[in-house]
Amino acid sequence: MFSNEPVVKVKDACIFQDHNTVLENVDFEIAKGEFVFLVGKTGSGKSSLLKTLYADLPLRLGEIVVAGYSIRDIRPSEVPLLRRKLGIIFQDFQLFSDRTVAENLLFVMQATGWRDKGKMRARMSEVLMQVGLGSVERKMPHQLSGGEQQRVVIARALLNEPQILLADEPTGNLDPTVSDGILKLFQQINKSGTAILMATHDYRIIKKFPARILKCDNMRIVDSAKEHFELSESSWQ
């Protein structure tokens, strides 16, 4: 059944890292199919917010609902079900270095409940083609460039047709030309209906690919959809 409910809904949330509050009174929503940047200085709470959204950090105060799951009330047994509805993309790729690209993707599919070998192979080929990598299944990660490895990570995140991609500095280790290619790929994925929340330090990308911005600033989230603020590189470096 189709629903117009936001894919992410955050109300009066406090975000903790260990025992320290890094963000408080956080309120925002991300609609289905929306593209949003998350910016802020190092240590301002970007990664902690993302980890809370995918239930890697506990939510102690406030309410967060992601893809229909209440993060405050989520049971450990439900976390894998939540993560099937999300795609998580890291700066440092987190690919198994001793496995081929195909083995990396098949591992995720098996871990998230896929059983039919034919369907698994077909879906794997589909997502690799979607990210512009048609012939890398048998390659090891070290045989790929940084940009190709990040595309494999994006393909891995797309396997279960997620409602939203949560990307933590996905271009942080890439040069500008490769970064632009990744952003264009994100835009294509976004146009197909997948929401994207992307944390970044890259001011150049935000100027080149404008979208709504959530800014972590002085323990709060400032939302460009509600409040005008000046964007300058120094404001989050």
C-alpha atoms as a PDB file:
ATOM      1  CA  MET A   1       0.000   0.000   0.000  1.00  0.00           C
ATOM      2  CA  PHE A   2       1.375   3.406  -0.992  1.00  0.00           C
ATOM      3  CA  SER A   3       1.924   5.836   1.845  1.00  0.00           C
ATOM      4  CA  ASN A   4       2.846   9.517   1.919  1.00  0.00           C
ATOM      5  CA  GLU A   5       4.502   9.129   5.325  1.00  0.00           C
ATOM      6  CA  PRO A   6       8.018  10.626   5.470  1.00  0.00           C
ATOM      7  CA  VAL A   7      10.784   8.043   5.199  1.00  0.00           C
ATOM      8  CA  VAL A   8      12.514   9.762   8.152  1.00  0.00           C
ATOM      9  CA  LYS A   9      10.675  11.586  10.934  1.00  0.00           C
ATOM     10  CA  VAL A  10      12.630  13.081  13.870  1.00  0.00           C
ATOM     11  CA  LYS A  11      10.922  14.882  16.764  1.00  0.00           C
ATOM     12  CA  ASP A  12      12.528  16.393  19.889  1.00  0.00           C
ATOM     13  CA  ALA A  13      15.438  13.956  19.631  1.00  0.00           C
ATOM     14  CA  CYS A  14      18.724  14.147  21.515  1.00  0.00           C
ATOM     15  CA  ILE A  15      21.675  12.461  19.824  1.00  0.00           C
ATOM     16  CA  PHE A  16      24.405  11.014  22.020  1.00  0.00           C
ATOM     17  CA  GLN A  17      27.944   9.851  21.353  1.00  0.00           C
ATOM     18  CA  ASP A  18      28.963   7.692  24.299  1.00  0.00           C
ATOM     19  CA  HIS A  19      27.602   9.729  27.231  1.00  0.00           C
ATOM     20  CA  ASN A  20      27.943  13.122  25.574  1.00  0.00           C
ATOM     21  CA  THR A  21      25.036  14.962  23.972  1.00  0.00           C
ATOM     22  CA  VAL A  22      26.098  16.091  20.491  1.00  0.00           C
ATOM     23  CA  LEU A  23      22.698  17.298  19.180  1.00  0.00           C
ATOM     24  CA  GLU A  24      19.541  18.273  21.058  1.00  0.00           C
ATOM     25  CA  ASN A  25      15.935  19.176  20.221  1.00  0.00           C
ATOM     26  CA  VAL A  26      16.356  17.752  16.720  1.00  0.00           C
ATOM     27  CA  ASP A  27      13.267  18.089  14.493  1.00  0.00           C
ATOM     28  CA  PHE A  28      13.148  17.302  10.784  1.00  0.00           C
ATOM     29  CA  GLU A  29      11.495  15.070   8.218  1.00  0.00           C
ATOM     30  CA  ILE A  30      12.738  13.611   4.946  1.00  0.00           C
ATOM     31  CA  ALA A  31      10.060  12.864   2.374  1.00  0.00           C
ATOM     32  CA  LYS A  32      10.123   9.887   0.052  1.00  0.00           C
ATOM     33  CA  GLY A  33      12.384  10.635  -2.883  1.00  0.00           C
ATOM     34  CA  GLU A  34      13.984  13.713  -1.305  1.00  0.00           C
ATOM     35  CA  PHE A  35      17.713  14.582  -1.566  1.00  0.00           C
ATOM     36  CA  VAL A  36      19.231  16.211   1.530  1.00  0.00           C
ATOM     37  CA  PHE A  37      22.797  17.203   2.447  1.00  0.00           C
ATOM     38  CA  LEU A  38      23.987  16.970   6.062  1.00  0.00           C
ATOM     39  CA  VAL A  39      26.829  19.367   6.886  1.00  0.00           C
ATOM     40  CA  GLY A  40      28.682  20.562   9.963  1.00  0.00           C
ATOM     41  CA  LYS A  41      32.133  20.782  11.475  1.00  0.00           C
ATOM     42  CA  THR A  42      34.021  17.651  12.503  1.00  0.00           C
ATOM     43  CA  GLY A  43      32.566  16.491  15.812  1.00  0.00           C
ATOM     44  CA  SER A  44      29.287  18.366  15.313  1.00  0.00           C
ATOM     45  CA  GLY A  45      27.195  15.183  15.302  1.00  0.00           C
ATOM     46  CA  LYS A  46      26.760  14.209  11.643  1.00  0.00           C
ATOM     47  CA  SER A  47      27.996  10.625  11.950  1.00  0.00           C
ATOM     48  CA  SER A  48      26.267  10.160  15.311  1.00  0.00           C
ATOM     49  CA  LEU A  49      22.968  11.272  13.776  1.00  0.00           C
ATOM     50  CA  LEU A  50      23.356   8.831  10.877  1.00  0.00           C
ATOM     51  CA  LYS A  51      24.296   5.992  13.256  1.00  0.00           C
ATOM     52  CA  THR A  52      21.195   6.739  15.337  1.00  0.00           C
ATOM     53  CA  LEU A  53      19.017   6.631  12.202  1.00  0.00           C
ATOM     54  CA  TYR A  54      20.226   3.131  11.339  1.00  0.00           C
ATOM     55  CA  ALA A  55      20.075   1.975  14.981  1.00  0.00           C
ATOM     56  CA  ASP A  56      23.809   1.657  15.586  1.00  0.00           C
ATOM     57  CA  LEU A  57      23.559   4.177  18.437  1.00  0.00           C
ATOM     58  CA  PRO A  58      20.616   4.074  20.894  1.00  0.00           C
ATOM     59  CA  LEU A  59      17.995   6.827  20.988  1.00  0.00           C
ATOM     60  CA  ARG A  60      17.394   7.816  24.611  1.00  0.00           C
ATOM     61  CA  LEU A  61      15.314  10.977  24.237  1.00  0.00           C
ATOM     62  CA  GLY A  62      12.766  11.965  21.612  1.00  0.00           C
ATOM     63  CA  GLU A  63      11.200  10.103  18.715  1.00  0.00           C
ATOM     64  CA  ILE A  64      12.689   8.906  15.431  1.00  0.00           C
ATOM     65  CA  VAL A  65      10.821   6.828  12.871  1.00  0.00           C
ATOM     66  CA  VAL A  66      12.803   5.502   9.881  1.00  0.00           C
ATOM     67  CA  ALA A  67      11.116   3.486   7.124  1.00  0.00           C
ATOM     68  CA  GLY A  68       8.251   2.733   9.488  1.00  0.00           C
ATOM     69  CA  TYR A  69      10.429   1.601  12.433  1.00  0.00           C
ATOM     70  CA  SER A  70      10.489   3.461  15.751  1.00  0.00           C
ATOM     71  CA  ILE A  71      14.187   3.731  16.613  1.00  0.00           C
ATOM     72  CA  ARG A  72      13.442   4.354  20.282  1.00  0.00           C
ATOM     73  CA  ASP A  73      11.453   1.109  20.603  1.00  0.00           C
ATOM     74  CA  ILE A  74      13.265  -1.078  18.077  1.00  0.00           C
ATOM     75  CA  ARG A  75      14.146  -4.590  19.253  1.00  0.00           C
ATOM     76  CA  PRO A  76      17.537  -6.107  18.359  1.00  0.00           C
ATOM     77  CA  SER A  77      15.750  -8.689  16.214  1.00  0.00           C
ATOM     78  CA  GLU A  78      14.168  -5.860  14.160  1.00  0.00           C
ATOM     79  CA  VAL A  79      17.420  -4.020  13.353  1.00  0.00           C
ATOM     80  CA  PRO A  80      18.254  -6.275  10.356  1.00  0.00           C
ATOM     81  CA  LEU A  81      14.702  -5.716   9.055  1.00  0.00           C
ATOM     82  CA  LEU A  82      15.171  -1.931   9.335  1.00  0.00           C
ATOM     83  CA  ARG A  83      18.507  -2.118   7.525  1.00  0.00           C
ATOM     84  CA  ARG A  84      16.945  -4.001   4.634  1.00  0.00           C
ATOM     85  CA  LYS A  85      14.957  -0.820   3.978  1.00  0.00           C
ATOM     86  CA  LEU A  86      18.070   1.376   4.136  1.00  0.00           C
ATOM     87  CA  GLY A  87      21.239   1.622   2.102  1.00  0.00           C
ATOM     88  CA  ILE A  88      24.286   2.605   4.168  1.00  0.00           C
ATOM     89  CA  ILE A  89      27.362   4.021   2.411  1.00  0.00           C
ATOM     90  CA  PHE A  90      30.643   4.686   4.191  1.00  0.00           C
ATOM     91  CA  GLN A  91      33.660   6.809   3.288  1.00  0.00           C
ATOM     92  CA  ASP A  92      36.104   3.909   3.745  1.00  0.00           C
ATOM     93  CA  PHE A  93      34.112   1.458   1.587  1.00  0.00           C
ATOM     94  CA  GLN A  94      34.134  -1.451   4.133  1.00  0.00           C
ATOM     95  CA  LEU A  95      34.452  -4.097   1.426  1.00  0.00           C
ATOM     96  CA  PHE A  96      35.909  -7.506   2.304  1.00  0.00           C
ATOM     97  CA  SER A  97      39.405  -7.292   0.793  1.00  0.00           C
ATOM     98  CA  ASP A  98      39.762 -11.080   0.497  1.00  0.00           C
ATOM     99  CA  ARG A  99      36.546 -11.561  -1.524  1.00  0.00           C
ATOM    100  CA  THR A 100      35.601 -10.692  -5.080  1.00  0.00           C
ATOM    101  CA  VAL A 101      33.034  -8.014  -5.844  1.00  0.00           C
ATOM    102  CA  ALA A 102      30.442 -10.748  -6.458  1.00  0.00           C
ATOM    103  CA  GLU A 103      31.246 -12.436  -3.135  1.00  0.00           C
ATOM    104  CA  ASN A 104      30.954  -9.087  -1.315  1.00  0.00           C
ATOM    105  CA  LEU A 105      27.467  -8.517  -2.757  1.00  0.00           C
ATOM    106  CA  LEU A 106      26.290 -12.110  -2.306  1.00  0.00           C
ATOM    107  CA  PHE A 107      27.350 -12.005   1.352  1.00  0.00           C
ATOM    108  CA  VAL A 108      25.038  -9.034   1.974  1.00  0.00           C
ATOM    109  CA  MET A 109      22.180 -10.716   0.111  1.00  0.00           C
ATOM    110  CA  GLN A 110      22.521 -13.924   2.116  1.00  0.00           C
ATOM    111  CA  ALA A 111      22.707 -11.916   5.356  1.00  0.00           C
ATOM    112  CA  THR A 112      19.467 -10.101   4.471  1.00  0.00           C
ATOM    113  CA  GLY A 113      17.446 -13.187   3.635  1.00  0.00           C
ATOM    114  CA  TRP A 114      17.946 -13.860  -0.088  1.00  0.00           C
ATOM    115  CA  ARG A 115      17.893 -17.592  -0.891  1.00  0.00           C
ATOM    116  CA  ASP A 116      17.225 -18.056  -4.622  1.00  0.00           C
ATOM    117  CA  LYS A 117      20.654 -18.208  -6.341  1.00  0.00           C
ATOM    118  CA  GLY A 118      19.248 -17.221  -9.750  1.00  0.00           C
ATOM    119  CA  LYS A 119      17.452 -14.159  -8.375  1.00  0.00           C
ATOM    120  CA  MET A 120      20.556 -13.194  -6.392  1.00  0.00           C
ATOM    121  CA  ARG A 121      22.766 -13.291  -9.494  1.00  0.00           C
ATOM    122  CA  ALA A 122      20.216 -11.346 -11.533  1.00  0.00           C
ATOM    123  CA  ARG A 123      19.843  -8.639  -8.878  1.00  0.00           C
ATOM    124  CA  MET A 124      23.614  -8.379  -8.459  1.00  0.00           C
ATOM    125  CA  SER A 125      24.093  -7.842 -12.215  1.00  0.00           C
ATOM    126  CA  GLU A 126      21.258  -5.301 -12.200  1.00  0.00           C
ATOM    127  CA  VAL A 127      22.733  -3.094  -9.446  1.00  0.00           C
ATOM    128  CA  LEU A 128      26.248  -3.259 -10.910  1.00  0.00           C
ATOM    129  CA  MET A 129      24.893  -2.114 -14.271  1.00  0.00           C
ATOM    130  CA  GLN A 130      22.936   0.626 -12.480  1.00  0.00           C
ATOM    131  CA  VAL A 131      26.158   2.073 -11.028  1.00  0.00           C
ATOM    132  CA  GLY A 132      28.031   1.764 -14.332  1.00  0.00           C
ATOM    133  CA  LEU A 133      30.094  -1.339 -13.492  1.00  0.00           C
ATOM    134  CA  GLY A 134      29.186  -4.152 -15.860  1.00  0.00           C
ATOM    135  CA  SER A 135      32.279  -6.351 -15.706  1.00  0.00           C
ATOM    136  CA  VAL A 136      33.835  -6.286 -12.238  1.00  0.00           C
ATOM    137  CA  GLU A 137      32.135  -9.246 -10.534  1.00  0.00           C
ATOM    138  CA  ARG A 138      35.282 -11.397 -10.479  1.00  0.00           C
ATOM    139  CA  LYS A 139      37.669  -8.611  -9.501  1.00  0.00           C
ATOM    140  CA  MET A 140      39.076  -8.122  -6.013  1.00  0.00           C
ATOM    141  CA  PRO A 141      38.555  -4.702  -4.385  1.00  0.00           C
ATOM    142  CA  HIS A 142      42.283  -3.831  -4.630  1.00  0.00           C
ATOM    143  CA  GLN A 143      42.058  -4.215  -8.416  1.00  0.00           C
ATOM    144  CA  LEU A 144      39.560  -1.345  -8.573  1.00  0.00           C
ATOM    145  CA  SER A 145      40.091   2.412  -8.360  1.00  0.00           C
ATOM    146  CA  GLY A 146      38.701   4.347  -5.393  1.00  0.00           C
ATOM    147  CA  GLY A 147      35.792   5.574  -7.494  1.00  0.00           C
ATOM    148  CA  GLU A 148      35.010   2.034  -8.683  1.00  0.00           C
ATOM    149  CA  GLN A 149      35.128   0.716  -5.118  1.00  0.00           C
ATOM    150  CA  GLN A 150      32.675   3.405  -4.030  1.00  0.00           C
ATOM    151  CA  ARG A 151      30.360   2.426  -6.901  1.00  0.00           C
ATOM    152  CA  VAL A 152      30.493  -1.181  -5.671  1.00  0.00           C
ATOM    153  CA  VAL A 153      29.539   0.094  -2.194  1.00  0.00           C
ATOM    154  CA  ILE A 154      26.601   2.002  -3.719  1.00  0.00           C
ATOM    155  CA  ALA A 155      25.557  -1.123  -5.655  1.00  0.00           C
ATOM    156  CA  ARG A 156      25.697  -3.080  -2.380  1.00  0.00           C
ATOM    157  CA  ALA A 157      23.499  -0.449  -0.722  1.00  0.00           C
ATOM    158  CA  LEU A 158      20.920  -0.727  -3.542  1.00  0.00           C
ATOM    159  CA  LEU A 159      20.532  -4.535  -3.420  1.00  0.00           C
ATOM    160  CA  ASN A 160      17.369  -4.502  -1.305  1.00  0.00           C
ATOM    161  CA  GLU A 161      15.746  -1.526  -3.094  1.00  0.00           C
ATOM    162  CA  PRO A 162      16.042   0.774  -0.065  1.00  0.00           C
ATOM    163  CA  GLN A 163      13.662   3.614   0.698  1.00  0.00           C
ATOM    164  CA  ILE A 164      16.618   5.829   1.617  1.00  0.00           C
ATOM    165  CA  LEU A 165      20.400   5.886   1.245  1.00  0.00           C
ATOM    166  CA  LEU A 166      22.349   7.151   4.265  1.00  0.00           C
ATOM    167  CA  ALA A 167      25.782   8.209   2.994  1.00  0.00           C
ATOM    168  CA  ASP A 168      28.539   9.259   5.417  1.00  0.00           C
ATOM    169  CA  GLU A 169      31.173  11.321   3.545  1.00  0.00           C
ATOM    170  CA  PRO A 170      30.945   9.071   0.458  1.00  0.00           C
ATOM    171  CA  THR A 171      33.304  11.295  -1.579  1.00  0.00           C
ATOM    172  CA  GLY A 172      35.752  12.019   1.255  1.00  0.00           C
ATOM    173  CA  ASN A 173      38.546   9.890  -0.232  1.00  0.00           C
ATOM    174  CA  LEU A 174      37.903  10.726  -3.885  1.00  0.00           C
ATOM    175  CA  ASP A 175      39.225  13.425  -6.191  1.00  0.00           C
ATOM    176  CA  PRO A 176      36.834  16.114  -7.542  1.00  0.00           C
ATOM    177  CA  THR A 177      36.180  14.496 -10.936  1.00  0.00           C
ATOM    178  CA  VAL A 178      35.389  11.114  -9.395  1.00  0.00           C
ATOM    179  CA  SER A 179      33.302  12.821  -6.670  1.00  0.00           C
ATOM    180  CA  ASP A 180      31.192  14.535  -9.328  1.00  0.00           C
ATOM    181  CA  GLY A 181      30.574  11.159 -10.979  1.00  0.00           C
ATOM    182  CA  ILE A 182      29.362   9.740  -7.656  1.00  0.00           C
ATOM    183  CA  LEU A 183      27.035  12.727  -7.141  1.00  0.00           C
ATOM    184  CA  LYS A 184      25.582  12.333 -10.627  1.00  0.00           C
ATOM    185  CA  LEU A 185      24.981   8.663  -9.842  1.00  0.00           C
ATOM    186  CA  PHE A 186      23.231   9.660  -6.590  1.00  0.00           C
ATOM    187  CA  GLN A 187      21.030  12.059  -8.577  1.00  0.00           C
ATOM    188  CA  GLN A 188      20.010   9.231 -10.944  1.00  0.00           C
ATOM    189  CA  ILE A 189      19.218   6.952  -7.999  1.00  0.00           C
ATOM    190  CA  ASN A 190      17.268   9.778  -6.367  1.00  0.00           C
ATOM    191  CA  LYS A 191      15.231  10.412  -9.533  1.00  0.00           C
ATOM    192  CA  SER A 192      14.165   6.765  -9.469  1.00  0.00           C
ATOM    193  CA  GLY A 193      12.474   7.433  -6.096  1.00  0.00           C
ATOM    194  CA  THR A 194      15.097   6.645  -3.442  1.00  0.00           C
ATOM    195  CA  ALA A 195      15.599   9.343  -0.805  1.00  0.00           C
ATOM    196  CA  ILE A 196      19.199  10.292   0.006  1.00  0.00           C
ATOM    197  CA  LEU A 197      20.717  11.831   3.145  1.00  0.00           C
ATOM    198  CA  MET A 198      24.381  12.568   2.464  1.00  0.00           C
ATOM    199  CA  ALA A 199      26.832  13.873   5.048  1.00  0.00           C
ATOM    200  CA  THR A 200      29.650  15.841   3.452  1.00  0.00           C
ATOM    201  CA  HIS A 201      32.473  18.261   4.159  1.00  0.00           C
ATOM    202  CA  ASP A 202      32.795  19.149   0.489  1.00  0.00           C
ATOM    203  CA  TYR A 203      31.632  22.724  -0.012  1.00  0.00           C
ATOM    204  CA  ARG A 204      32.321  22.485  -3.762  1.00  0.00           C
ATOM    205  CA  ILE A 205      29.828  19.624  -4.148  1.00  0.00           C
ATOM    206  CA  ILE A 206      27.075  21.502  -2.333  1.00  0.00           C
ATOM    207  CA  LYS A 207      27.558  24.535  -4.570  1.00  0.00           C
ATOM    208  CA  LYS A 208      27.608  22.396  -7.715  1.00  0.00           C
ATOM    209  CA  PHE A 209      24.696  20.084  -6.817  1.00  0.00           C
ATOM    210  CA  PRO A 210      22.314  22.283  -4.776  1.00  0.00           C
ATOM    211  CA  ALA A 211      19.718  20.581  -2.558  1.00  0.00           C
ATOM    212  CA  ARG A 212      18.108  21.012   0.853  1.00  0.00           C
ATOM    213  CA  ILE A 213      20.684  21.252   3.660  1.00  0.00           C
ATOM    214  CA  LEU A 214      20.581  20.172   7.304  1.00  0.00           C
ATOM    215  CA  LYS A 215      23.430  21.854   9.190  1.00  0.00           C
ATOM    216  CA  CYS A 216      24.745  20.658  12.556  1.00  0.00           C
ATOM    217  CA  ASP A 217      25.607  23.834  14.420  1.00  0.00           C
ATOM    218  CA  ASN A 218      26.018  24.455  18.168  1.00  0.00           C
ATOM    219  CA  MET A 219      24.237  21.201  19.126  1.00  0.00           C
ATOM    220  CA  ARG A 220      21.227  21.903  16.959  1.00  0.00           C
ATOM    221  CA  ILE A 221      20.079  21.163  13.411  1.00  0.00           C
ATOM    222  CA  VAL A 222      19.391  24.126  11.151  1.00  0.00           C
ATOM    223  CA  ASP A 223      17.171  23.243   8.181  1.00  0.00           C
ATOM    224  CA  SER A 224      17.512  25.283   4.974  1.00  0.00           C
ATOM    225  CA  ALA A 225      13.867  24.460   4.171  1.00  0.00           C
ATOM    226  CA  LYS A 226      12.774  26.418   7.261  1.00  0.00           C
ATOM    227  CA  GLU A 227      15.520  28.890   8.016  1.00  0.00           C
ATOM    228  CA  HIS A 228      17.812  30.853   5.706  1.00  0.00           C
ATOM    229  CA  PHE A 229      21.479  30.684   6.544  1.00  0.00           C
ATOM    230  CA  GLU A 230      24.612  31.799   4.739  1.00  0.00           C
ATOM    231  CA  LEU A 231      26.659  29.011   3.266  1.00  0.00           C
ATOM    232  CA  SER A 232      30.397  29.496   3.482  1.00  0.00           C
ATOM    233  CA  GLU A 233      33.186  26.956   3.478  1.00  0.00           C
ATOM    234  CA  SER A 234      34.526  28.207   6.801  1.00  0.00           C
ATOM    235  CA  SER A 235      31.181  27.591   8.503  1.00  0.00           C
ATOM    236  CA  TRP A 236      31.732  23.851   8.701  1.00  0.00           C
ATOM    237  CA  GLN A 237      35.412  23.202   8.143  1.00  0.00           C
END
